[in-house]
N, C-alpha and C. Protein backbone atom coordinates (compact mmCIF):
# COMPACT_ATOMS: atom_id res chain seq x y z
N UNK A 1 81.28 119.92 69.21
CA UNK A 1 82.70 119.63 69.02
C UNK A 1 83.20 118.65 70.08
N UNK A 2 82.81 118.92 71.35
CA UNK A 2 83.25 118.05 72.44
C UNK A 2 82.73 116.64 72.28
N UNK A 3 81.45 116.51 71.92
CA UNK A 3 80.85 115.19 71.75
C UNK A 3 81.50 114.46 70.59
N UNK A 4 81.78 115.19 69.51
CA UNK A 4 82.42 114.57 68.34
C UNK A 4 83.80 114.03 68.70
N UNK A 5 84.57 114.80 69.48
CA UNK A 5 85.89 114.34 69.91
C UNK A 5 85.78 113.13 70.84
N UNK A 6 84.78 113.17 71.71
CA UNK A 6 84.57 112.03 72.62
C UNK A 6 84.27 110.77 71.82
N UNK A 7 83.41 110.89 70.82
CA UNK A 7 83.06 109.72 70.00
C UNK A 7 84.25 109.21 69.20
N UNK A 8 85.09 110.13 68.74
CA UNK A 8 86.31 109.71 68.03
C UNK A 8 87.24 108.97 68.98
N UNK A 9 87.39 109.53 70.18
CA UNK A 9 88.21 108.86 71.19
C UNK A 9 87.66 107.49 71.55
N UNK A 10 86.34 107.40 71.62
CA UNK A 10 85.69 106.13 71.92
C UNK A 10 86.06 105.08 70.88
N UNK A 11 86.01 105.47 69.62
CA UNK A 11 86.34 104.56 68.52
C UNK A 11 87.82 104.18 68.55
N UNK A 12 88.68 105.16 68.82
CA UNK A 12 90.12 104.90 68.88
C UNK A 12 90.45 103.95 70.02
N UNK A 13 89.90 104.21 71.20
CA UNK A 13 90.16 103.35 72.36
C UNK A 13 89.70 101.93 72.13
N UNK A 14 88.51 101.78 71.54
CA UNK A 14 87.98 100.45 71.26
C UNK A 14 88.84 99.73 70.25
N UNK A 15 89.28 100.44 69.21
CA UNK A 15 90.07 99.83 68.13
C UNK A 15 91.44 99.38 68.61
N UNK A 16 92.07 100.15 69.49
CA UNK A 16 93.39 99.80 69.98
C UNK A 16 93.32 98.64 70.98
N UNK A 17 92.23 98.59 71.76
CA UNK A 17 92.10 97.54 72.77
C UNK A 17 91.68 96.20 72.17
N UNK A 18 90.93 96.22 71.06
CA UNK A 18 90.31 95.01 70.54
C UNK A 18 91.27 93.92 70.05
N UNK A 19 92.38 94.24 69.37
CA UNK A 19 93.26 93.15 68.91
C UNK A 19 93.72 92.27 70.08
N UNK A 20 93.64 90.96 69.89
CA UNK A 20 93.97 90.03 70.98
C UNK A 20 95.48 89.91 71.12
N UNK A 21 95.98 90.29 72.27
CA UNK A 21 97.39 90.16 72.61
C UNK A 21 97.50 89.51 73.98
N UNK A 22 98.62 89.69 74.67
CA UNK A 22 98.78 89.07 75.98
C UNK A 22 97.75 89.55 77.00
N UNK A 23 97.35 90.82 76.93
CA UNK A 23 96.37 91.34 77.87
C UNK A 23 95.00 90.69 77.62
N UNK A 24 94.65 90.54 76.34
CA UNK A 24 93.39 89.89 76.01
C UNK A 24 93.34 88.45 76.50
N UNK A 25 94.44 87.72 76.29
CA UNK A 25 94.51 86.33 76.75
C UNK A 25 94.40 86.28 78.26
N UNK A 26 95.11 87.19 78.94
CA UNK A 26 95.08 87.22 80.40
C UNK A 26 93.69 87.55 80.92
N UNK A 27 93.02 88.48 80.28
CA UNK A 27 91.67 88.86 80.68
C UNK A 27 90.70 87.69 80.53
N UNK A 28 90.78 86.98 79.40
CA UNK A 28 89.90 85.83 79.17
C UNK A 28 90.18 84.71 80.17
N UNK A 29 91.45 84.47 80.45
CA UNK A 29 91.80 83.42 81.40
C UNK A 29 91.30 83.75 82.79
N UNK A 30 91.47 85.00 83.21
CA UNK A 30 91.01 85.39 84.54
C UNK A 30 89.50 85.36 84.65
N UNK A 31 88.81 85.70 83.55
CA UNK A 31 87.36 85.63 83.57
C UNK A 31 86.89 84.18 83.74
N UNK A 32 87.52 83.26 83.01
CA UNK A 32 87.14 81.86 83.10
C UNK A 32 87.51 81.25 84.46
N UNK A 33 88.68 81.61 84.97
CA UNK A 33 89.17 80.99 86.19
C UNK A 33 88.68 81.66 87.46
N UNK A 34 88.50 82.99 87.42
CA UNK A 34 88.19 83.72 88.65
C UNK A 34 86.87 84.48 88.60
N UNK A 35 86.27 84.56 87.43
CA UNK A 35 84.98 85.23 87.34
C UNK A 35 85.04 86.53 86.55
N UNK A 36 83.86 87.04 86.24
CA UNK A 36 83.73 88.23 85.38
C UNK A 36 84.41 89.45 85.99
N UNK A 37 84.29 89.63 87.30
CA UNK A 37 84.86 90.81 87.95
C UNK A 37 86.37 90.87 87.74
N UNK A 38 87.05 89.73 87.91
CA UNK A 38 88.50 89.69 87.74
C UNK A 38 88.89 90.03 86.31
N UNK A 39 88.14 89.51 85.34
CA UNK A 39 88.42 89.80 83.94
C UNK A 39 88.19 91.26 83.60
N UNK A 40 87.08 91.81 84.11
CA UNK A 40 86.75 93.21 83.82
C UNK A 40 87.78 94.15 84.44
N UNK A 41 88.14 93.89 85.70
CA UNK A 41 89.12 94.75 86.39
C UNK A 41 90.47 94.69 85.69
N UNK A 42 90.83 93.49 85.20
CA UNK A 42 92.07 93.36 84.44
C UNK A 42 92.03 94.25 83.20
N UNK A 43 90.90 94.24 82.52
CA UNK A 43 90.75 95.08 81.34
C UNK A 43 90.78 96.56 81.67
N UNK A 44 90.23 96.94 82.82
CA UNK A 44 90.22 98.35 83.21
C UNK A 44 91.64 98.85 83.49
N UNK A 45 92.51 97.95 83.94
CA UNK A 45 93.91 98.33 84.12
C UNK A 45 94.53 98.71 82.78
N UNK A 46 94.25 97.90 81.76
CA UNK A 46 94.75 98.20 80.41
C UNK A 46 94.11 99.48 79.88
N UNK A 47 92.81 99.67 80.15
CA UNK A 47 92.11 100.87 79.68
C UNK A 47 92.71 102.13 80.31
N UNK A 48 93.11 102.03 81.58
CA UNK A 48 93.73 103.16 82.26
C UNK A 48 95.04 103.53 81.59
N UNK A 49 95.84 102.51 81.26
CA UNK A 49 97.11 102.77 80.56
C UNK A 49 96.86 103.37 79.19
N UNK A 50 95.84 102.86 78.48
CA UNK A 50 95.49 103.44 77.18
C UNK A 50 95.12 104.92 77.33
N UNK A 51 94.37 105.22 78.40
CA UNK A 51 93.98 106.59 78.66
C UNK A 51 95.19 107.48 78.93
N UNK A 52 96.16 106.94 79.68
CA UNK A 52 97.38 107.71 79.99
C UNK A 52 98.16 108.01 78.71
N UNK A 53 98.38 106.98 77.90
CA UNK A 53 99.12 107.19 76.65
C UNK A 53 98.32 108.06 75.67
N UNK A 54 97.02 107.89 75.68
CA UNK A 54 96.18 108.72 74.81
C UNK A 54 96.24 110.19 75.23
N UNK A 55 96.31 110.44 76.54
CA UNK A 55 96.40 111.82 77.01
C UNK A 55 97.74 112.44 76.65
N UNK A 56 98.82 111.64 76.70
CA UNK A 56 100.14 112.15 76.31
C UNK A 56 100.13 112.59 74.85
N UNK A 57 99.52 111.75 74.01
CA UNK A 57 99.44 112.10 72.59
C UNK A 57 98.48 113.27 72.37
N UNK A 58 97.36 113.25 73.08
CA UNK A 58 96.34 114.29 72.90
C UNK A 58 96.78 115.66 73.39
N UNK A 59 97.48 115.70 74.53
CA UNK A 59 97.93 116.97 75.09
C UNK A 59 99.24 117.44 74.46
N UNK A 60 99.81 116.61 73.58
CA UNK A 60 101.02 117.01 72.88
C UNK A 60 102.24 117.07 73.78
N UNK A 61 102.34 116.15 74.73
CA UNK A 61 103.48 116.14 75.65
C UNK A 61 104.66 115.44 74.98
N UNK A 62 105.29 116.16 74.06
CA UNK A 62 106.36 115.60 73.24
C UNK A 62 107.53 115.11 74.07
N UNK A 63 107.90 115.86 75.10
CA UNK A 63 109.08 115.48 75.89
C UNK A 63 108.84 114.18 76.64
N UNK A 64 107.58 113.93 77.05
CA UNK A 64 107.27 112.68 77.74
C UNK A 64 107.31 111.51 76.77
N UNK A 65 106.68 111.68 75.61
CA UNK A 65 106.64 110.60 74.62
C UNK A 65 108.04 110.29 74.10
N UNK A 66 108.87 111.32 73.92
CA UNK A 66 110.24 111.10 73.45
C UNK A 66 111.03 110.29 74.46
N UNK A 67 110.87 110.61 75.73
CA UNK A 67 111.57 109.87 76.79
C UNK A 67 111.12 108.42 76.82
N UNK A 68 109.82 108.18 76.74
CA UNK A 68 109.29 106.82 76.79
C UNK A 68 109.81 105.98 75.63
N UNK A 69 109.79 106.56 74.44
CA UNK A 69 110.25 105.82 73.27
C UNK A 69 111.76 105.58 73.34
N UNK A 70 112.51 106.55 73.85
CA UNK A 70 113.97 106.40 73.94
C UNK A 70 114.38 105.32 74.94
N UNK A 71 113.50 105.05 75.90
CA UNK A 71 113.80 104.04 76.92
C UNK A 71 113.05 102.73 76.67
N UNK A 72 112.59 102.55 75.43
CA UNK A 72 111.73 101.40 75.14
C UNK A 72 112.42 100.06 75.37
N UNK A 73 113.75 100.01 75.21
CA UNK A 73 114.45 98.74 75.42
C UNK A 73 114.31 98.29 76.86
N UNK A 74 114.45 99.22 77.81
CA UNK A 74 114.30 98.86 79.22
C UNK A 74 112.87 98.47 79.54
N UNK A 75 111.92 99.21 78.96
CA UNK A 75 110.51 98.89 79.17
C UNK A 75 110.19 97.50 78.64
N UNK A 76 110.70 97.19 77.46
CA UNK A 76 110.44 95.88 76.85
C UNK A 76 111.10 94.77 77.66
N UNK A 77 112.28 95.05 78.20
CA UNK A 77 112.96 94.05 79.02
C UNK A 77 112.14 93.74 80.27
N UNK A 78 111.74 94.78 80.97
CA UNK A 78 110.95 94.58 82.20
C UNK A 78 109.61 93.94 81.87
N UNK A 79 108.93 94.45 80.83
CA UNK A 79 107.64 93.89 80.45
C UNK A 79 107.75 92.45 79.98
N UNK A 80 108.79 92.13 79.21
CA UNK A 80 108.99 90.76 78.73
C UNK A 80 109.23 89.79 79.87
N UNK A 81 110.07 90.20 80.83
CA UNK A 81 110.35 89.35 81.99
C UNK A 81 109.09 89.13 82.82
N UNK A 82 108.31 90.20 82.98
CA UNK A 82 107.09 90.08 83.78
C UNK A 82 106.07 89.18 83.07
N UNK A 83 106.00 89.27 81.75
CA UNK A 83 105.10 88.39 81.00
C UNK A 83 105.52 86.93 81.15
N UNK A 84 106.83 86.67 81.11
CA UNK A 84 107.31 85.30 81.29
C UNK A 84 106.95 84.78 82.68
N UNK A 85 107.16 85.62 83.68
CA UNK A 85 106.81 85.25 85.05
C UNK A 85 105.32 84.97 85.18
N UNK A 86 104.51 85.88 84.60
CA UNK A 86 103.06 85.74 84.69
C UNK A 86 102.59 84.50 83.93
N UNK A 87 103.24 84.22 82.79
CA UNK A 87 102.88 83.05 82.01
C UNK A 87 103.16 81.76 82.76
N UNK A 88 104.33 81.67 83.39
CA UNK A 88 104.67 80.47 84.17
C UNK A 88 103.74 80.32 85.36
N UNK A 89 103.47 81.43 86.02
CA UNK A 89 102.57 81.39 87.18
C UNK A 89 101.17 80.95 86.77
N UNK A 90 100.71 81.45 85.62
CA UNK A 90 99.39 81.06 85.11
C UNK A 90 99.37 79.59 84.73
N UNK A 91 100.43 79.12 84.09
CA UNK A 91 100.53 77.72 83.66
C UNK A 91 100.42 76.77 84.86
N UNK A 92 101.03 77.14 85.97
CA UNK A 92 101.07 76.28 87.15
C UNK A 92 99.88 76.48 88.09
N UNK A 93 99.07 77.52 87.83
CA UNK A 93 97.98 77.86 88.74
C UNK A 93 96.88 76.80 88.70
N UNK A 94 96.31 76.56 89.86
CA UNK A 94 95.14 75.67 89.92
C UNK A 94 93.87 76.49 89.74
N UNK A 95 92.87 75.94 89.05
CA UNK A 95 91.63 76.69 88.82
C UNK A 95 90.97 77.07 90.13
N UNK A 96 90.45 78.31 90.21
CA UNK A 96 89.70 78.73 91.39
C UNK A 96 88.38 77.97 91.42
N UNK A 97 87.99 77.54 92.60
CA UNK A 97 86.75 76.77 92.71
C UNK A 97 85.52 77.67 92.65
N UNK A 98 85.69 78.91 93.10
CA UNK A 98 84.56 79.83 93.08
C UNK A 98 85.04 81.19 92.60
N UNK A 99 84.22 81.81 91.77
CA UNK A 99 84.59 83.14 91.28
C UNK A 99 84.64 84.16 92.41
N UNK A 100 83.85 83.94 93.46
CA UNK A 100 83.78 84.89 94.56
C UNK A 100 85.09 85.02 95.30
N UNK A 101 86.00 84.10 95.08
CA UNK A 101 87.28 84.16 95.77
C UNK A 101 88.15 85.33 95.30
N UNK A 102 87.81 85.93 94.19
CA UNK A 102 88.56 87.09 93.71
C UNK A 102 88.16 88.29 94.53
N UNK A 103 88.75 88.44 95.70
CA UNK A 103 88.41 89.50 96.63
C UNK A 103 89.07 90.80 96.26
N UNK A 104 89.02 91.78 97.23
CA UNK A 104 89.56 93.09 96.96
C UNK A 104 91.03 93.07 96.60
N UNK A 105 91.82 92.33 97.36
CA UNK A 105 93.25 92.28 97.09
C UNK A 105 93.52 91.62 95.74
N UNK A 106 92.76 90.56 95.44
CA UNK A 106 92.94 89.90 94.16
C UNK A 106 92.56 90.80 93.00
N UNK A 107 91.50 91.57 93.15
CA UNK A 107 91.07 92.49 92.09
C UNK A 107 92.07 93.62 91.91
N UNK A 108 92.62 94.10 93.02
CA UNK A 108 93.63 95.16 92.92
C UNK A 108 94.87 94.65 92.19
N UNK A 109 95.27 93.41 92.50
CA UNK A 109 96.41 92.81 91.81
C UNK A 109 96.13 92.62 90.34
N UNK A 110 94.90 92.23 90.00
CA UNK A 110 94.52 92.05 88.59
C UNK A 110 94.60 93.39 87.85
N UNK A 111 94.14 94.44 88.50
CA UNK A 111 94.16 95.78 87.88
C UNK A 111 95.58 96.28 87.68
N UNK A 112 96.38 96.22 88.74
CA UNK A 112 97.74 96.79 88.66
C UNK A 112 98.64 96.00 87.71
N UNK A 113 98.44 94.69 87.62
CA UNK A 113 99.31 93.89 86.74
C UNK A 113 99.09 94.25 85.28
N UNK A 114 97.83 94.41 84.86
CA UNK A 114 97.57 94.76 83.46
C UNK A 114 97.90 96.23 83.19
N UNK A 115 97.73 97.09 84.20
CA UNK A 115 98.16 98.48 84.05
C UNK A 115 99.66 98.53 83.80
N UNK A 116 100.41 97.78 84.60
CA UNK A 116 101.87 97.75 84.47
C UNK A 116 102.29 97.18 83.12
N UNK A 117 101.67 96.08 82.72
CA UNK A 117 102.03 95.44 81.46
C UNK A 117 101.78 96.36 80.26
N UNK A 118 100.67 97.06 80.29
CA UNK A 118 100.34 97.94 79.17
C UNK A 118 101.26 99.16 79.15
N UNK A 119 101.62 99.67 80.32
CA UNK A 119 102.52 100.82 80.39
C UNK A 119 103.93 100.48 79.96
N UNK A 120 104.32 99.20 80.07
CA UNK A 120 105.67 98.81 79.67
C UNK A 120 105.79 98.63 78.16
N UNK A 121 104.76 99.02 77.43
CA UNK A 121 104.82 99.00 75.97
C UNK A 121 104.65 100.44 75.46
N UNK A 122 105.70 101.27 75.61
CA UNK A 122 105.57 102.69 75.23
C UNK A 122 105.32 102.91 73.75
N UNK A 123 105.52 101.86 72.93
CA UNK A 123 105.23 102.02 71.50
C UNK A 123 103.74 102.25 71.27
N UNK A 124 102.93 101.96 72.30
CA UNK A 124 101.50 102.22 72.20
C UNK A 124 101.25 103.70 71.91
N UNK A 125 102.10 104.55 72.50
CA UNK A 125 101.90 105.99 72.30
C UNK A 125 102.11 106.37 70.83
N UNK A 126 102.97 105.62 70.13
CA UNK A 126 103.17 105.89 68.71
C UNK A 126 101.91 105.53 67.92
N UNK A 127 101.21 104.51 68.38
CA UNK A 127 99.95 104.13 67.73
C UNK A 127 98.93 105.25 67.88
N UNK A 128 98.84 105.80 69.10
CA UNK A 128 97.91 106.91 69.32
C UNK A 128 98.32 108.12 68.50
N UNK A 129 99.61 108.43 68.51
CA UNK A 129 100.09 109.61 67.77
C UNK A 129 99.79 109.48 66.28
N UNK A 130 99.99 108.26 65.74
CA UNK A 130 99.74 108.04 64.31
C UNK A 130 98.26 108.17 63.99
N UNK A 131 97.42 107.59 64.84
CA UNK A 131 95.97 107.67 64.61
C UNK A 131 95.48 109.10 64.75
N UNK A 132 95.96 109.79 65.80
CA UNK A 132 95.55 111.19 66.00
C UNK A 132 95.95 112.05 64.81
N UNK A 133 97.18 111.83 64.31
CA UNK A 133 97.66 112.61 63.17
C UNK A 133 96.82 112.30 61.93
N UNK A 134 96.49 111.02 61.75
CA UNK A 134 95.69 110.63 60.59
C UNK A 134 94.30 111.22 60.61
N UNK A 135 93.77 111.45 61.82
CA UNK A 135 92.43 112.02 61.95
C UNK A 135 92.47 113.53 62.13
N UNK A 136 93.68 114.09 62.06
CA UNK A 136 93.81 115.53 62.24
C UNK A 136 93.63 115.97 63.67
N UNK A 137 94.01 115.10 64.63
CA UNK A 137 93.81 115.40 66.04
C UNK A 137 95.13 115.62 66.78
N UNK A 138 96.24 115.64 66.07
CA UNK A 138 97.55 115.73 66.70
C UNK A 138 97.68 116.96 67.58
N UNK A 139 97.89 116.71 68.89
CA UNK A 139 98.09 117.81 69.82
C UNK A 139 96.83 118.60 70.15
N UNK A 140 95.74 118.38 69.44
CA UNK A 140 94.45 119.07 69.62
C UNK A 140 94.61 120.59 69.72
N UNK A 141 95.64 121.11 69.05
CA UNK A 141 95.78 122.56 68.94
C UNK A 141 95.91 123.30 70.25
N UNK A 142 96.41 122.65 71.30
CA UNK A 142 96.59 123.32 72.58
C UNK A 142 95.30 123.48 73.36
N UNK A 143 94.21 122.95 72.87
CA UNK A 143 92.92 123.03 73.55
C UNK A 143 92.83 121.90 74.57
N UNK A 144 93.01 122.24 75.85
CA UNK A 144 93.01 121.21 76.89
C UNK A 144 91.65 120.56 77.07
N UNK A 145 90.60 121.33 76.84
CA UNK A 145 89.26 120.77 76.94
C UNK A 145 89.04 119.69 75.88
N UNK A 146 89.48 119.98 74.66
CA UNK A 146 89.36 119.02 73.56
C UNK A 146 90.20 117.78 73.84
N UNK A 147 91.44 118.00 74.32
CA UNK A 147 92.31 116.87 74.64
C UNK A 147 91.72 116.02 75.75
N UNK A 148 91.08 116.67 76.72
CA UNK A 148 90.45 115.94 77.82
C UNK A 148 89.30 115.09 77.34
N UNK A 149 88.47 115.63 76.46
CA UNK A 149 87.34 114.87 75.92
C UNK A 149 87.83 113.68 75.10
N UNK A 150 88.90 113.90 74.34
CA UNK A 150 89.47 112.83 73.53
C UNK A 150 90.02 111.71 74.42
N UNK A 151 90.72 112.11 75.48
CA UNK A 151 91.28 111.13 76.41
C UNK A 151 90.18 110.34 77.11
N UNK A 152 89.13 111.03 77.53
CA UNK A 152 87.99 110.36 78.17
C UNK A 152 87.36 109.36 77.22
N UNK A 153 87.24 109.74 75.96
CA UNK A 153 86.68 108.84 74.97
C UNK A 153 87.55 107.60 74.78
N UNK A 154 88.87 107.79 74.75
CA UNK A 154 89.79 106.66 74.61
C UNK A 154 89.62 105.68 75.76
N UNK A 155 89.58 106.21 76.98
CA UNK A 155 89.42 105.33 78.14
C UNK A 155 88.08 104.58 78.08
N UNK A 156 87.01 105.30 77.79
CA UNK A 156 85.69 104.66 77.75
C UNK A 156 85.59 103.62 76.64
N UNK A 157 86.20 103.92 75.48
CA UNK A 157 86.18 102.96 74.37
C UNK A 157 86.93 101.69 74.72
N UNK A 158 88.11 101.85 75.33
CA UNK A 158 88.89 100.69 75.75
C UNK A 158 88.16 99.91 76.83
N UNK A 159 87.61 100.63 77.82
CA UNK A 159 86.88 99.97 78.91
C UNK A 159 85.66 99.21 78.38
N UNK A 160 84.99 99.78 77.37
CA UNK A 160 83.82 99.12 76.79
C UNK A 160 84.19 97.78 76.16
N UNK A 161 85.35 97.77 75.47
CA UNK A 161 85.81 96.52 74.87
C UNK A 161 86.03 95.45 75.94
N UNK A 162 86.68 95.83 77.04
CA UNK A 162 86.95 94.85 78.10
C UNK A 162 85.67 94.39 78.79
N UNK A 163 84.69 95.28 78.88
CA UNK A 163 83.39 94.89 79.43
C UNK A 163 82.72 93.86 78.54
N UNK A 164 82.75 94.12 77.23
CA UNK A 164 82.15 93.18 76.27
C UNK A 164 82.86 91.84 76.32
N UNK A 165 84.20 91.86 76.30
CA UNK A 165 84.98 90.62 76.29
C UNK A 165 84.75 89.79 77.55
N UNK A 166 84.84 90.44 78.72
CA UNK A 166 84.67 89.70 79.98
C UNK A 166 83.24 89.18 80.12
N UNK A 167 82.27 89.93 79.62
CA UNK A 167 80.87 89.49 79.70
C UNK A 167 80.63 88.27 78.82
N UNK A 168 81.17 88.30 77.59
CA UNK A 168 80.98 87.18 76.67
C UNK A 168 81.67 85.92 77.20
N UNK A 169 82.89 86.07 77.69
CA UNK A 169 83.63 84.91 78.18
C UNK A 169 82.98 84.33 79.43
N UNK A 170 82.43 85.22 80.30
CA UNK A 170 81.81 84.74 81.54
C UNK A 170 80.59 83.87 81.28
N UNK A 171 79.95 84.09 80.13
CA UNK A 171 78.77 83.28 79.79
C UNK A 171 79.14 81.81 79.68
N UNK A 172 80.36 81.54 79.20
CA UNK A 172 80.79 80.16 78.99
C UNK A 172 81.49 79.56 80.21
N UNK A 173 81.69 80.37 81.25
CA UNK A 173 82.46 79.89 82.40
C UNK A 173 81.82 78.67 83.05
N UNK A 174 80.49 78.69 83.19
CA UNK A 174 79.81 77.58 83.86
C UNK A 174 79.93 76.27 83.10
N UNK A 175 80.27 76.33 81.83
CA UNK A 175 80.37 75.12 81.02
C UNK A 175 81.73 74.45 81.15
N UNK A 176 82.66 75.11 81.83
CA UNK A 176 84.01 74.57 81.97
C UNK A 176 84.15 73.79 83.27
N UNK A 177 84.59 72.55 83.14
CA UNK A 177 84.87 71.73 84.32
C UNK A 177 86.21 72.15 84.90
N UNK A 178 86.52 71.76 86.15
CA UNK A 178 87.84 72.08 86.72
C UNK A 178 88.99 71.59 85.84
N UNK A 179 88.83 70.44 85.21
CA UNK A 179 89.88 69.92 84.35
C UNK A 179 90.05 70.81 83.12
N UNK A 180 88.93 71.27 82.57
CA UNK A 180 88.99 72.15 81.41
C UNK A 180 89.63 73.48 81.78
N UNK A 181 89.30 73.99 82.97
CA UNK A 181 89.90 75.24 83.42
C UNK A 181 91.40 75.09 83.63
N UNK A 182 91.81 73.88 84.04
CA UNK A 182 93.24 73.64 84.19
C UNK A 182 93.95 73.77 82.85
N UNK A 183 93.30 73.26 81.80
CA UNK A 183 93.88 73.37 80.47
C UNK A 183 93.87 74.81 79.98
N UNK A 184 92.83 75.57 80.38
CA UNK A 184 92.79 77.00 80.05
C UNK A 184 94.01 77.69 80.65
N UNK A 185 94.32 77.36 81.90
CA UNK A 185 95.49 77.93 82.56
C UNK A 185 96.78 77.58 81.82
N UNK A 186 96.89 76.32 81.41
CA UNK A 186 98.11 75.88 80.75
C UNK A 186 98.29 76.54 79.38
N UNK A 187 97.21 76.56 78.60
CA UNK A 187 97.30 77.14 77.26
C UNK A 187 97.53 78.64 77.33
N UNK A 188 96.75 79.33 78.17
CA UNK A 188 96.91 80.78 78.27
C UNK A 188 98.26 81.14 78.87
N UNK A 189 98.72 80.35 79.86
CA UNK A 189 100.04 80.59 80.43
C UNK A 189 101.13 80.45 79.40
N UNK A 190 101.02 79.43 78.55
CA UNK A 190 102.00 79.24 77.49
C UNK A 190 102.00 80.39 76.50
N UNK A 191 100.81 80.88 76.15
CA UNK A 191 100.70 81.98 75.19
C UNK A 191 101.29 83.26 75.79
N UNK A 192 100.96 83.54 77.05
CA UNK A 192 101.47 84.75 77.71
C UNK A 192 102.99 84.71 77.80
N UNK A 193 103.53 83.55 78.19
CA UNK A 193 104.99 83.40 78.27
C UNK A 193 105.63 83.56 76.90
N UNK A 194 104.95 83.07 75.85
CA UNK A 194 105.47 83.20 74.49
C UNK A 194 105.56 84.67 74.08
N UNK A 195 104.55 85.46 74.45
CA UNK A 195 104.61 86.90 74.18
C UNK A 195 105.81 87.52 74.89
N UNK A 196 106.06 87.09 76.13
CA UNK A 196 107.20 87.60 76.88
C UNK A 196 108.52 87.24 76.22
N UNK A 197 108.65 86.00 75.79
CA UNK A 197 109.87 85.56 75.11
C UNK A 197 110.07 86.31 73.80
N UNK A 198 108.97 86.55 73.09
CA UNK A 198 109.06 87.30 71.83
C UNK A 198 109.59 88.71 72.07
N UNK A 199 109.11 89.33 73.15
CA UNK A 199 109.59 90.68 73.47
C UNK A 199 111.07 90.66 73.82
N UNK A 200 111.50 89.63 74.54
CA UNK A 200 112.92 89.54 74.95
C UNK A 200 113.83 89.24 73.76
N UNK A 201 113.36 88.33 72.88
CA UNK A 201 114.14 88.01 71.69
C UNK A 201 114.28 89.23 70.80
N UNK A 202 113.22 90.05 70.75
CA UNK A 202 113.29 91.26 69.94
C UNK A 202 114.38 92.21 70.39
N UNK A 203 114.75 92.16 71.66
CA UNK A 203 115.81 93.01 72.17
C UNK A 203 117.20 92.58 71.68
N UNK A 204 117.31 91.32 71.28
CA UNK A 204 118.59 90.80 70.83
C UNK A 204 118.86 91.07 69.36
N UNK A 205 117.83 91.49 68.65
CA UNK A 205 118.00 91.70 67.21
C UNK A 205 118.73 93.01 66.94
């Protein structure tokens, strides 16, 4: 039973992480500009947030999910502004000359930024709740062990996707000249900022 729940969580985490959004663009850009470690750590920040939201849905913490969804306008405002800031910063950034320059502080910043960005999208928890309900996993019947296995699977599935993505992108890093990397920064920065503007415009509707 535990292994089956873990495998289901693995599939759920992978499926939710795989669609390319602002986090995916950011992860690919950091992998190309700063190296595989920066891209992977960025993805692990998102995987941690997926695990947190997955645990809320899995453990049936209704009061937490209700609060997050009720405050989604503020979350979207903060997340949208941060995406715009990150997009502009990425657009103006100069390509790193060596991947090794992504030191401890840089990796910590990469992790926390994607963790923050993913957490500012509380609608993610609705995705988990819908998937869990569809698979008959809603609340896991008060079984904390089952909910824990499901949450672990979600984190591992999401982390696996980011490992695959950063590994594939890093293969092509050596083929990019500094000028090409500059264009990567500009294009990815524009896309990230566009996601931020879309989130902000959505608040006006």
